[in-house]
Structures are given as structure tokens and as C-alpha cells.
Amino acid sequence: MNDYLIRALGFNGNVRAFAARTTETVGEAQKRHNTWPTATAALGRSMTATVMMGAMLKGEEKLTVKIEGNGPIGPMIIDANAKGEVRGFVTNPQVHFDLNSVGKLDVRRAVGTEGSLTVVKDLGLRDMFSGQTPIVSGEIAEDFTYYFAVSEQVPSSVGLGVLVNPDNSVLAAGGFIIQLMPGCDEETISKIEQQLQNIEPVSKMIERGLSPEQILEVVLGNNNVQVLSKSPVQFKCQCSKERFGVAVISLGVQEIQEMIDEDGGAEAECHFCLEKYHFDQQELEGFINEIQAQ
């Protein structure tokens, strides 16, 4: 079943909502980085939230999220765009703990409870929008909820979940974001709060086979969801040999010559997808000629 996300309205336009199934997407990240279960849950929750934030953008706009806590997994960096493409990595992927007191993967312990969540949006303008809030729980969903409330002044509820199989593969992943629009009345707010208190974990809904549409119906109530659009979600990296070539050229003649003299070539690896790109001596000499011709 392919991953996708939906954009929707609820309560006659008083609520903006997003929901996504990201099982295959998070699974791809798990395989590429060989993450252990707790790290998989932390990265998967973060990727799910970020790809839904990407759905709030338009055209060629994109965003980067950095979650930097004081836990052992170290910083996580996730990129997403308005097309449902997302990529991400965690600094220390082989981190895992026993389940916490409520029987869940101990993401809080892996991420840490002190640090920051930073969002940088590239909206195609001269200056980028940047917002940062402190980590409030390390459970990721609460940290994004706090970010929306403080940095973007949008009252929101974020639900995220990842279930991992005994062989470390991803069983289920997904999430939702509910946002109150200006002028939303107290009765609607009260209904949503009541629903949120009674729903099962979003990862369990995904495991049971609920679609993003059905998840929003559970959260907002039956016949109360107006789906605006649906789009595919996938792990997709933006790296290429050409981009790494530009980075090599930026190092300058002396450093490129050292690569030729010492190693007879160069190899670059993408942090996001772990793809390797090799530049032989002839290619590096071509870069030097290109610099000197400028």
C-alpha cells in the first residue's frame, strides 16, 4: 500500500487538517541508515511531521527541520518539499533502549528532554523564514505541537507514531496535524479536545489498516472531514554527482590537487541517503582547469 498524505478541512472550515501514512517512507530511511528501533521511531516521527509541514508549502518551496536534543541519537535533520518528498538522517542511528513504562519505544530517552527544534523554510525569497523552539518532551509530537503554538502562533495538535517489527523493519508509520483556524469557536475546540483524549495511538490505526482519511474521521468525527487534496509521499534525496561536483570545486585548487596527489581521486557520501559519488583523477583535473579558466 503506497504512502500518501491528505489536506483537509473540518468543522465547516474552522479546522485545517493533515494526515499521512508513511510506512514505506520511514522503512526506506530505516534500511538506508540501518537504524535500530528507538532511533527509527524518533526519525520516523520527525519525517512524518516534516512531510506534513511540507504539504503546507507551495510550488518549489521547501523546508528543513533540525531536532537537536541532549540524548544519545544526536541531531536529526529532515528535509521536505511541497511535493511529498522527504529525506532525513539521525547522527547516531544504532541507538535502542528497552520499552518505556507504558510499553512504547523510549524516544524521549533517545532524543533527550533539553535542546531545540529548528525549522527553516525556503520560500524562494531572498531571506529564509526560520523559527526555533525548545524541546519540551523529546517525544517529537509534543515538540512540534509546541513549535506551531509558539513560533507560528497556530494552536495545533500533532499525533505521530511508528511501530517497528522484531527484525527492525517498519511495521506502521503515520501521523496527523490538526490546526485551529482564526475564529474557531469554543464548542468546536471542546469537541476536538474530547476526541483527542479518547483516540488510540496513530501507529495502531495505521497498523489496523486505517487510511489517512479514516484517521481524520476518527480524530474529527464522522462526516466532518472535507478532503481538499491527496498526494503521494516518498523518501527521495535531492543529491546528485553534479551537486557534489560543485561542492568539490568550491574547495579550491590547492585542496583538489591534494586529493589527486594523495588519493588519486575523491569520494563523497550523502548524509541523507548514503549514496556515494566517486571522482577520478581526470574529473578532478577538469575541476582545476574550470577554476583556473574563471
C-alpha atoms as a PDB file:
ATOM      1  CA  MET A   1       0.000   0.000   0.000  1.00  0.00           C
ATOM      2  CA  ASN A   2       1.626   3.232  -1.129  1.00  0.00           C
ATOM      3  CA  ASP A   3       2.269   6.134   1.242  1.00  0.00           C
ATOM      4  CA  TYR A   4       0.313   9.343   0.791  1.00  0.00           C
ATOM      5  CA  LEU A   5      -0.974  12.366   2.666  1.00  0.00           C
ATOM      6  CA  ILE A   6      -4.175  14.355   2.540  1.00  0.00           C
ATOM      7  CA  ARG A   7      -5.020  18.000   3.187  1.00  0.00           C
ATOM      8  CA  ALA A   8      -8.477  18.582   4.590  1.00  0.00           C
ATOM      9  CA  LEU A   9     -10.840  20.938   6.389  1.00  0.00           C
ATOM     10  CA  GLY A  10     -13.126  20.106   9.288  1.00  0.00           C
ATOM     11  CA  PHE A  11     -15.973  21.725  11.184  1.00  0.00           C
ATOM     12  CA  ASN A  12     -17.058  23.878   8.225  1.00  0.00           C
ATOM     13  CA  GLY A  13     -13.605  25.269   7.604  1.00  0.00           C
ATOM     14  CA  ASN A  14     -12.817  26.082  11.234  1.00  0.00           C
ATOM     15  CA  VAL A  15     -10.124  23.432  11.318  1.00  0.00           C
ATOM     16  CA  ARG A  16      -7.266  22.672   8.937  1.00  0.00           C
ATOM     17  CA  ALA A  17      -6.072  19.068   8.987  1.00  0.00           C
ATOM     18  CA  PHE A  18      -3.375  16.858   7.517  1.00  0.00           C
ATOM     19  CA  ALA A  19      -2.877  13.110   7.797  1.00  0.00           C
ATOM     20  CA  ALA A  20      -0.268  10.789   6.310  1.00  0.00           C
ATOM     21  CA  ARG A  21       0.674   7.167   6.031  1.00  0.00           C
ATOM     22  CA  THR A  22       4.482   6.974   5.875  1.00  0.00           C
ATOM     23  CA  THR A  23       5.236   3.284   6.489  1.00  0.00           C
ATOM     24  CA  GLU A  24       7.231   2.711   3.279  1.00  0.00           C
ATOM     25  CA  THR A  25       8.942   6.107   3.500  1.00  0.00           C
ATOM     26  CA  VAL A  26      10.178   5.552   7.046  1.00  0.00           C
ATOM     27  CA  GLY A  27      11.051   1.978   6.089  1.00  0.00           C
ATOM     28  CA  GLU A  28      13.291   3.266   3.309  1.00  0.00           C
ATOM     29  CA  ALA A  29      15.121   5.538   5.764  1.00  0.00           C
ATOM     30  CA  GLN A  30      15.476   2.616   8.188  1.00  0.00           C
ATOM     31  CA  LYS A  31      17.038   0.399   5.514  1.00  0.00           C
ATOM     32  CA  ARG A  32      19.414   3.063   4.205  1.00  0.00           C
ATOM     33  CA  HIS A  33      20.698   4.046   7.647  1.00  0.00           C
ATOM     34  CA  ASN A  34      20.264   0.681   9.409  1.00  0.00           C
ATOM     35  CA  THR A  35      18.563   2.421  12.328  1.00  0.00           C
ATOM     36  CA  TRP A  36      17.741   0.456  15.460  1.00  0.00           C
ATOM     37  CA  PRO A  37      14.111   0.571  16.741  1.00  0.00           C
ATOM     38  CA  THR A  38      14.232   3.582  19.086  1.00  0.00           C
ATOM     39  CA  ALA A  39      16.208   5.648  16.583  1.00  0.00           C
ATOM     40  CA  THR A  40      13.788   4.501  13.844  1.00  0.00           C
ATOM     41  CA  ALA A  41      10.830   5.749  15.879  1.00  0.00           C
ATOM     42  CA  ALA A  42      12.463   9.128  16.528  1.00  0.00           C
ATOM     43  CA  LEU A  43      13.478   9.641  12.892  1.00  0.00           C
ATOM     44  CA  GLY A  44      10.187   8.257  11.564  1.00  0.00           C
ATOM     45  CA  ARG A  45       8.045  10.533  13.719  1.00  0.00           C
ATOM     46  CA  SER A  46      10.167  13.518  12.703  1.00  0.00           C
ATOM     47  CA  MET A  47       9.991  12.667   8.982  1.00  0.00           C
ATOM     48  CA  THR A  48       6.220  12.219   9.186  1.00  0.00           C
ATOM     49  CA  ALA A  49       5.710  15.608  10.840  1.00  0.00           C
ATOM     50  CA  THR A  50       8.085  17.302   8.393  1.00  0.00           C
ATOM     51  CA  VAL A  51       6.452  15.873   5.266  1.00  0.00           C
ATOM     52  CA  MET A  52       3.060  17.110   6.519  1.00  0.00           C
ATOM     53  CA  MET A  53       4.592  20.543   7.100  1.00  0.00           C
ATOM     54  CA  GLY A  54       5.828  20.331   3.514  1.00  0.00           C
ATOM     55  CA  ALA A  55       2.190  19.952   2.468  1.00  0.00           C
ATOM     56  CA  MET A  56       1.610  23.441   3.877  1.00  0.00           C
ATOM     57  CA  LEU A  57       4.016  24.848   1.263  1.00  0.00           C
ATOM     58  CA  LYS A  58       3.506  25.600  -2.438  1.00  0.00           C
ATOM     59  CA  GLY A  59       5.361  25.041  -5.700  1.00  0.00           C
ATOM     60  CA  GLU A  60       9.122  24.777  -5.261  1.00  0.00           C
ATOM     61  CA  GLU A  61       9.117  25.811  -1.601  1.00  0.00           C
ATOM     62  CA  LYS A  62      10.909  23.530   0.848  1.00  0.00           C
ATOM     63  CA  LEU A  63      11.841  23.299   4.498  1.00  0.00           C
ATOM     64  CA  THR A  64      14.466  21.794   6.775  1.00  0.00           C
ATOM     65  CA  VAL A  65      13.845  20.641  10.339  1.00  0.00           C
ATOM     66  CA  LYS A  66      16.676  20.098  12.809  1.00  0.00           C
ATOM     67  CA  ILE A  67      15.976  18.436  16.136  1.00  0.00           C
ATOM     68  CA  GLU A  68      18.960  18.702  18.426  1.00  0.00           C
ATOM     69  CA  GLY A  69      18.450  17.222  21.867  1.00  0.00           C
ATOM     70  CA  ASN A  70      20.823  16.120  24.613  1.00  0.00           C
ATOM     71  CA  GLY A  71      20.080  12.424  24.065  1.00  0.00           C
ATOM     72  CA  PRO A  72      22.399   9.801  22.547  1.00  0.00           C
ATOM     73  CA  ILE A  73      20.979   9.819  18.996  1.00  0.00           C
ATOM     74  CA  GLY A  74      22.388  13.327  18.462  1.00  0.00           C
ATOM     75  CA  PRO A  75      20.956  15.817  15.961  1.00  0.00           C
ATOM     76  CA  MET A  76      18.354  14.736  13.390  1.00  0.00           C
ATOM     77  CA  ILE A  77      17.969  16.662  10.131  1.00  0.00           C
ATOM     78  CA  ILE A  78      14.967  16.261   7.829  1.00  0.00           C
ATOM     79  CA  ASP A  79      14.174  17.980   4.512  1.00  0.00           C
ATOM     80  CA  ALA A  80      10.771  18.041   2.802  1.00  0.00           C
ATOM     81  CA  ASN A  81       9.056  19.918  -0.013  1.00  0.00           C
ATOM     82  CA  ALA A  82       5.556  20.629  -1.272  1.00  0.00           C
ATOM     83  CA  LYS A  83       5.630  17.503  -3.499  1.00  0.00           C
ATOM     84  CA  GLY A  84       5.581  14.975  -0.659  1.00  0.00           C
ATOM     85  CA  GLU A  85       9.296  14.222  -0.983  1.00  0.00           C
ATOM     86  CA  VAL A  86      11.179  13.819   2.282  1.00  0.00           C
ATOM     87  CA  ARG A  87      14.618  12.699   3.398  1.00  0.00           C
ATOM     88  CA  GLY A  88      16.280  12.558   6.787  1.00  0.00           C
ATOM     89  CA  PHE A  89      19.057  11.163   8.919  1.00  0.00           C
ATOM     90  CA  VAL A  90      19.969  10.754  12.557  1.00  0.00           C
ATOM     91  CA  THR A  91      23.547  11.267  13.717  1.00  0.00           C
ATOM     92  CA  ASN A  92      23.749   8.014  15.725  1.00  0.00           C
ATOM     93  CA  PRO A  93      21.373   5.503  14.078  1.00  0.00           C
ATOM     94  CA  GLN A  94      22.283   2.495  16.238  1.00  0.00           C
ATOM     95  CA  VAL A  95      20.526   3.608  19.422  1.00  0.00           C
ATOM     96  CA  HIS A  96      17.934   1.452  21.171  1.00  0.00           C
ATOM     97  CA  PHE A  97      16.518   1.079  24.689  1.00  0.00           C
ATOM     98  CA  ASP A  98      14.052  -1.184  26.448  1.00  0.00           C
ATOM     99  CA  LEU A  99      10.409  -0.122  26.164  1.00  0.00           C
ATOM    100  CA  ASN A 100       9.339   2.684  28.494  1.00  0.00           C
ATOM    101  CA  SER A 101       6.886   2.422  31.408  1.00  0.00           C
ATOM    102  CA  VAL A 102       3.860   2.492  29.076  1.00  0.00           C
ATOM    103  CA  GLY A 103       5.248  -0.156  26.746  1.00  0.00           C
ATOM    104  CA  LYS A 104       6.382   2.157  23.950  1.00  0.00           C
ATOM    105  CA  LEU A 105       9.729   2.787  22.299  1.00  0.00           C
ATOM    106  CA  ASP A 106      11.598   5.203  24.564  1.00  0.00           C
ATOM    107  CA  VAL A 107      12.008   8.049  22.072  1.00  0.00           C
ATOM    108  CA  ARG A 108      12.251  10.657  24.843  1.00  0.00           C
ATOM    109  CA  ARG A 109      15.354   8.950  26.245  1.00  0.00           C
ATOM    110  CA  ALA A 110      16.956   8.742  22.797  1.00  0.00           C
ATOM    111  CA  VAL A 111      16.229  12.353  21.793  1.00  0.00           C
ATOM    112  CA  GLY A 112      16.675  13.988  25.177  1.00  0.00           C
ATOM    113  CA  THR A 113      14.499  16.486  27.010  1.00  0.00           C
ATOM    114  CA  GLU A 114      16.674  19.558  26.510  1.00  0.00           C
ATOM    115  CA  GLY A 115      17.636  21.153  23.227  1.00  0.00           C
ATOM    116  CA  SER A 116      15.906  22.783  20.288  1.00  0.00           C
ATOM    117  CA  LEU A 117      13.638  22.205  17.311  1.00  0.00           C
ATOM    118  CA  THR A 118      14.535  24.488  14.396  1.00  0.00           C
ATOM    119  CA  VAL A 119      12.522  24.973  11.199  1.00  0.00           C
ATOM    120  CA  VAL A 120      13.995  26.783   8.197  1.00  0.00           C
ATOM    121  CA  LYS A 121      11.648  27.455   5.271  1.00  0.00           C
ATOM    122  CA  ASP A 122      12.965  28.293   1.822  1.00  0.00           C
ATOM    123  CA  LEU A 123      10.054  30.128   0.223  1.00  0.00           C
ATOM    124  CA  GLY A 124      12.013  31.265  -2.821  1.00  0.00           C
ATOM    125  CA  LEU A 125      12.562  34.727  -1.347  1.00  0.00           C
ATOM    126  CA  ARG A 126      15.831  36.463  -0.582  1.00  0.00           C
ATOM    127  CA  ASP A 127      15.570  35.701   3.135  1.00  0.00           C
ATOM    128  CA  MET A 128      14.558  32.350   4.593  1.00  0.00           C
ATOM    129  CA  PHE A 129      12.000  32.038   7.377  1.00  0.00           C
ATOM    130  CA  SER A 130      13.486  30.500  10.490  1.00  0.00           C
ATOM    131  CA  GLY A 131      11.801  29.553  13.752  1.00  0.00           C
ATOM    132  CA  GLN A 132      13.168  27.791  16.813  1.00  0.00           C
ATOM    133  CA  THR A 133      11.583  26.484  19.996  1.00  0.00           C
ATOM    134  CA  PRO A 134      12.955  24.429  22.886  1.00  0.00           C
ATOM    135  CA  ILE A 135      12.330  20.701  23.082  1.00  0.00           C
ATOM    136  CA  VAL A 136       9.542  20.245  25.615  1.00  0.00           C
ATOM    137  CA  SER A 137       9.302  16.452  25.890  1.00  0.00           C
ATOM    138  CA  GLY A 138      11.569  14.673  23.404  1.00  0.00           C
ATOM    139  CA  GLU A 139       8.595  12.613  22.225  1.00  0.00           C
ATOM    140  CA  ILE A 140       8.573  14.629  18.938  1.00  0.00           C
ATOM    141  CA  ALA A 141       4.786  15.105  18.545  1.00  0.00           C
ATOM    142  CA  GLU A 142       4.568  17.356  21.608  1.00  0.00           C
ATOM    143  CA  ASP A 143       7.646  19.234  20.415  1.00  0.00           C
ATOM    144  CA  PHE A 144       6.058  20.005  17.036  1.00  0.00           C
ATOM    145  CA  THR A 145       2.795  20.960  18.772  1.00  0.00           C
ATOM    146  CA  TYR A 146       4.730  23.454  20.901  1.00  0.00           C
ATOM    147  CA  TYR A 147       6.596  24.772  17.837  1.00  0.00           C
ATOM    148  CA  PHE A 148       3.341  25.537  15.993  1.00  0.00           C
ATOM    149  CA  ALA A 149       1.825  27.268  19.028  1.00  0.00           C
ATOM    150  CA  VAL A 150       4.859  29.416  19.876  1.00  0.00           C
ATOM    151  CA  SER A 151       6.734  30.030  16.618  1.00  0.00           C
ATOM    152  CA  GLU A 152       3.807  30.172  14.181  1.00  0.00           C
ATOM    153  CA  GLN A 153       1.050  31.136  16.651  1.00  0.00           C
ATOM    154  CA  VAL A 154      -1.236  28.373  15.362  1.00  0.00           C
ATOM    155  CA  PRO A 155      -2.968  26.235  18.034  1.00  0.00           C
ATOM    156  CA  SER A 156      -2.326  22.684  16.835  1.00  0.00           C
ATOM    157  CA  SER A 157      -2.400  19.045  17.842  1.00  0.00           C
ATOM    158  CA  VAL A 158       0.205  16.717  16.342  1.00  0.00           C
ATOM    159  CA  GLY A 159      -0.088  12.929  16.502  1.00  0.00           C
ATOM    160  CA  LEU A 160       2.804  10.758  15.294  1.00  0.00           C
ATOM    161  CA  GLY A 161       3.588   7.065  15.537  1.00  0.00           C
ATOM    162  CA  VAL A 162       5.983   4.379  14.361  1.00  0.00           C
ATOM    163  CA  LEU A 163       5.779   0.636  15.047  1.00  0.00           C
ATOM    164  CA  VAL A 164       8.866  -1.499  14.430  1.00  0.00           C
ATOM    165  CA  ASN A 165       8.999  -5.242  13.688  1.00  0.00           C
ATOM    166  CA  PRO A 166      11.309  -7.635  15.606  1.00  0.00           C
ATOM    167  CA  ASP A 167      13.666  -7.652  12.584  1.00  0.00           C
ATOM    168  CA  ASN A 168      13.995  -3.822  12.832  1.00  0.00           C
ATOM    169  CA  SER A 169      11.859  -3.196   9.722  1.00  0.00           C
ATOM    170  CA  VAL A 170       8.976  -0.711   9.928  1.00  0.00           C
ATOM    171  CA  LEU A 171       5.524  -2.196  10.554  1.00  0.00           C
ATOM    172  CA  ALA A 172       3.500   1.021  10.533  1.00  0.00           C
ATOM    173  CA  ALA A 173       4.151   4.767  10.489  1.00  0.00           C
ATOM    174  CA  GLY A 174       1.972   7.838  10.090  1.00  0.00           C
ATOM    175  CA  GLY A 175       0.521  10.870  11.734  1.00  0.00           C
ATOM    176  CA  PHE A 176      -1.850  13.818  11.725  1.00  0.00           C
ATOM    177  CA  ILE A 177      -1.780  17.567  12.338  1.00  0.00           C
ATOM    178  CA  ILE A 178      -4.933  19.397  13.421  1.00  0.00           C
ATOM    179  CA  GLN A 179      -4.838  23.207  13.383  1.00  0.00           C
ATOM    180  CA  LEU A 180      -7.470  25.656  14.607  1.00  0.00           C
ATOM    181  CA  MET A 181      -8.272  28.469  12.192  1.00  0.00           C
ATOM    182  CA  PRO A 182      -8.821  32.052  13.449  1.00  0.00           C
ATOM    183  CA  GLY A 183     -12.277  32.447  14.927  1.00  0.00           C
ATOM    184  CA  CYS A 184     -12.764  28.766  15.794  1.00  0.00           C
ATOM    185  CA  ASP A 185     -15.476  28.623  18.482  1.00  0.00           C
ATOM    186  CA  GLU A 186     -15.155  27.094  21.938  1.00  0.00           C
ATOM    187  CA  GLU A 187     -17.673  24.333  21.216  1.00  0.00           C
ATOM    188  CA  THR A 188     -15.585  23.056  18.305  1.00  0.00           C
ATOM    189  CA  ILE A 189     -12.395  23.249  20.359  1.00  0.00           C
ATOM    190  CA  SER A 190     -14.069  21.294  23.162  1.00  0.00           C
ATOM    191  CA  LYS A 191     -15.260  18.566  20.757  1.00  0.00           C
ATOM    192  CA  ILE A 192     -11.790  18.155  19.266  1.00  0.00           C
ATOM    193  CA  GLU A 193     -10.144  18.003  22.691  1.00  0.00           C
ATOM    194  CA  GLN A 194     -12.608  15.312  23.749  1.00  0.00           C
ATOM    195  CA  GLN A 195     -11.932  13.267  20.603  1.00  0.00           C
ATOM    196  CA  LEU A 196      -8.156  13.545  21.055  1.00  0.00           C
ATOM    197  CA  GLN A 197      -8.387  12.239  24.627  1.00  0.00           C
ATOM    198  CA  ASN A 198     -10.177   9.082  23.506  1.00  0.00           C
ATOM    199  CA  ILE A 199      -8.381   8.014  20.313  1.00  0.00           C
ATOM    200  CA  GLU A 200      -5.920   5.129  20.119  1.00  0.00           C
ATOM    201  CA  PRO A 201      -2.283   5.767  19.075  1.00  0.00           C
ATOM    202  CA  VAL A 202      -1.979   6.748  15.416  1.00  0.00           C
ATOM    203  CA  SER A 203       0.536   3.954  14.779  1.00  0.00           C
ATOM    204  CA  LYS A 204      -2.104   1.420  15.876  1.00  0.00           C
ATOM    205  CA  MET A 205      -4.623   2.986  13.476  1.00  0.00           C
ATOM    206  CA  ILE A 206      -2.120   2.616  10.624  1.00  0.00           C
ATOM    207  CA  GLU A 207      -1.392  -0.985  11.671  1.00  0.00           C
ATOM    208  CA  ARG A 208      -5.127  -1.741  11.612  1.00  0.00           C
ATOM    209  CA  GLY A 209      -5.203  -0.521   8.024  1.00  0.00           C
ATOM    210  CA  LEU A 210      -6.912   2.842   8.509  1.00  0.00           C
ATOM    211  CA  SER A 211      -6.298   5.297   5.685  1.00  0.00           C
ATOM    212  CA  PRO A 212      -5.323   8.940   6.292  1.00  0.00           C
ATOM    213  CA  GLU A 213      -8.955   9.858   5.502  1.00  0.00           C
ATOM    214  CA  GLN A 214     -10.233   7.423   8.125  1.00  0.00           C
ATOM    215  CA  ILE A 215      -7.698   8.658  10.689  1.00  0.00           C
ATOM    216  CA  LEU A 216      -9.048  12.201  10.337  1.00  0.00           C
ATOM    217  CA  GLU A 217     -12.598  10.888  10.692  1.00  0.00           C
ATOM    218  CA  VAL A 218     -11.574   9.240  13.955  1.00  0.00           C
ATOM    219  CA  VAL A 219      -9.939  12.466  15.163  1.00  0.00           C
ATOM    220  CA  LEU A 220     -12.565  14.958  13.954  1.00  0.00           C
ATOM    221  CA  GLY A 221     -15.683  12.777  13.864  1.00  0.00           C
ATOM    222  CA  ASN A 222     -17.562  11.028  11.069  1.00  0.00           C
ATOM    223  CA  ASN A 223     -18.870  13.112   8.152  1.00  0.00           C
ATOM    224  CA  ASN A 224     -16.855  16.072   9.384  1.00  0.00           C
ATOM    225  CA  VAL A 225     -13.865  15.882   7.053  1.00  0.00           C
ATOM    226  CA  GLN A 226     -13.708  17.654   3.708  1.00  0.00           C
ATOM    227  CA  VAL A 227     -10.683  16.339   1.796  1.00  0.00           C
ATOM    228  CA  LEU A 228      -9.082  19.035  -0.342  1.00  0.00           C
ATOM    229  CA  SER A 229      -6.249  17.089  -1.943  1.00  0.00           C
ATOM    230  CA  LYS A 230      -4.283  13.865  -1.835  1.00  0.00           C
ATOM    231  CA  SER A 231      -0.629  13.454  -2.803  1.00  0.00           C
ATOM    232  CA  PRO A 232       1.993  10.675  -2.706  1.00  0.00           C
ATOM    233  CA  VAL A 233       4.712  10.611  -0.067  1.00  0.00           C
ATOM    234  CA  GLN A 234       8.152   9.118  -0.664  1.00  0.00           C
ATOM    235  CA  PHE A 235      11.728   9.100   0.588  1.00  0.00           C
ATOM    236  CA  LYS A 236      13.563  10.997  -2.109  1.00  0.00           C
ATOM    237  CA  CYS A 237      17.002  12.560  -1.929  1.00  0.00           C
ATOM    238  CA  GLN A 238      17.949  15.628  -3.926  1.00  0.00           C
ATOM    239  CA  CYS A 239      21.643  14.725  -4.147  1.00  0.00           C
ATOM    240  CA  SER A 240      23.479  14.173  -7.436  1.00  0.00           C
ATOM    241  CA  LYS A 241      27.047  13.860  -8.706  1.00  0.00           C
ATOM    242  CA  GLU A 242      26.699  17.334 -10.263  1.00  0.00           C
ATOM    243  CA  ARG A 243      25.835  18.891  -6.896  1.00  0.00           C
ATOM    244  CA  PHE A 244      28.767  17.217  -5.194  1.00  0.00           C
ATOM    245  CA  GLY A 245      30.968  18.361  -8.088  1.00  0.00           C
ATOM    246  CA  VAL A 246      30.006  21.962  -7.351  1.00  0.00           C
ATOM    247  CA  ALA A 247      30.939  21.375  -3.702  1.00  0.00           C
ATOM    248  CA  VAL A 248      34.331  19.937  -4.697  1.00  0.00           C
ATOM    249  CA  ILE A 249      35.040  22.943  -6.945  1.00  0.00           C
ATOM    250  CA  SER A 250      34.268  25.264  -4.026  1.00  0.00           C
ATOM    251  CA  LEU A 251      37.189  23.718  -2.104  1.00  0.00           C
ATOM    252  CA  GLY A 252      39.685  25.415  -4.433  1.00  0.00           C
ATOM    253  CA  VAL A 253      42.700  24.362  -6.492  1.00  0.00           C
ATOM    254  CA  GLN A 254      45.072  23.514  -3.634  1.00  0.00           C
ATOM    255  CA  GLU A 255      42.720  21.100  -1.866  1.00  0.00           C
ATOM    256  CA  ILE A 256      41.656  19.411  -5.107  1.00  0.00           C
ATOM    257  CA  GLN A 257      45.330  18.958  -6.062  1.00  0.00           C
ATOM    258  CA  GLU A 258      45.949  17.337  -2.672  1.00  0.00           C
ATOM    259  CA  MET A 259      43.140  14.865  -3.417  1.00  0.00           C
ATOM    260  CA  ILE A 260      44.861  13.952  -6.689  1.00  0.00           C
ATOM    261  CA  ASP A 261      48.351  13.676  -5.127  1.00  0.00           C
ATOM    262  CA  GLU A 262      47.314  11.732  -2.032  1.00  0.00           C
ATOM    263  CA  ASP A 263      44.416   9.551  -3.209  1.00  0.00           C
ATOM    264  CA  GLY A 264      44.327   9.752  -6.998  1.00  0.00           C
ATOM    265  CA  GLY A 265      40.670  10.719  -6.764  1.00  0.00           C
ATOM    266  CA  ALA A 266      37.900  11.606  -4.311  1.00  0.00           C
ATOM    267  CA  GLU A 267      34.724  10.062  -2.926  1.00  0.00           C
ATOM    268  CA  ALA A 268      31.770  11.909  -1.429  1.00  0.00           C
ATOM    269  CA  GLU A 269      28.879  10.408   0.527  1.00  0.00           C
ATOM    270  CA  CYS A 270      25.437  11.955   1.022  1.00  0.00           C
ATOM    271  CA  HIS A 271      24.377  12.145   4.694  1.00  0.00           C
ATOM    272  CA  PHE A 272      20.714  11.760   3.774  1.00  0.00           C
ATOM    273  CA  CYS A 273      20.731   8.682   1.530  1.00  0.00           C
ATOM    274  CA  LEU A 274      24.308   7.347   1.919  1.00  0.00           C
ATOM    275  CA  GLU A 275      24.780   7.330  -1.865  1.00  0.00           C
ATOM    276  CA  LYS A 276      28.487   7.506  -2.772  1.00  0.00           C
ATOM    277  CA  TYR A 277      29.915   9.533  -5.672  1.00  0.00           C
ATOM    278  CA  HIS A 278      33.430   8.936  -7.000  1.00  0.00           C
ATOM    279  CA  PHE A 279      35.534  11.499  -8.841  1.00  0.00           C
ATOM    280  CA  ASP A 280      38.593  10.124 -10.653  1.00  0.00           C
ATOM    281  CA  GLN A 281      41.836  11.995 -11.325  1.00  0.00           C
ATOM    282  CA  GLN A 282      40.695  13.170 -14.742  1.00  0.00           C
ATOM    283  CA  GLU A 283      37.496  14.675 -13.324  1.00  0.00           C
ATOM    284  CA  LEU A 284      39.391  16.450 -10.553  1.00  0.00           C
ATOM    285  CA  GLU A 285      41.893  17.864 -13.051  1.00  0.00           C
ATOM    286  CA  GLY A 286      38.914  19.113 -15.056  1.00  0.00           C
ATOM    287  CA  PHE A 287      37.657  20.949 -11.956  1.00  0.00           C
ATOM    288  CA  ILE A 288      41.072  22.622 -11.539  1.00  0.00           C
ATOM    289  CA  ASN A 289      41.028  23.724 -15.203  1.00  0.00           C
ATOM    290  CA  GLU A 290      37.495  25.079 -14.702  1.00  0.00           C
ATOM    291  CA  ILE A 291      38.591  27.137 -11.683  1.00  0.00           C
ATOM    292  CA  GLN A 292      41.687  28.484 -13.437  1.00  0.00           C
ATOM    293  CA  ALA A 293      39.687  29.462 -16.521  1.00  0.00           C
ATOM    294  CA  GLN A 294      37.437  31.744 -14.469  1.00  0.00           C
END
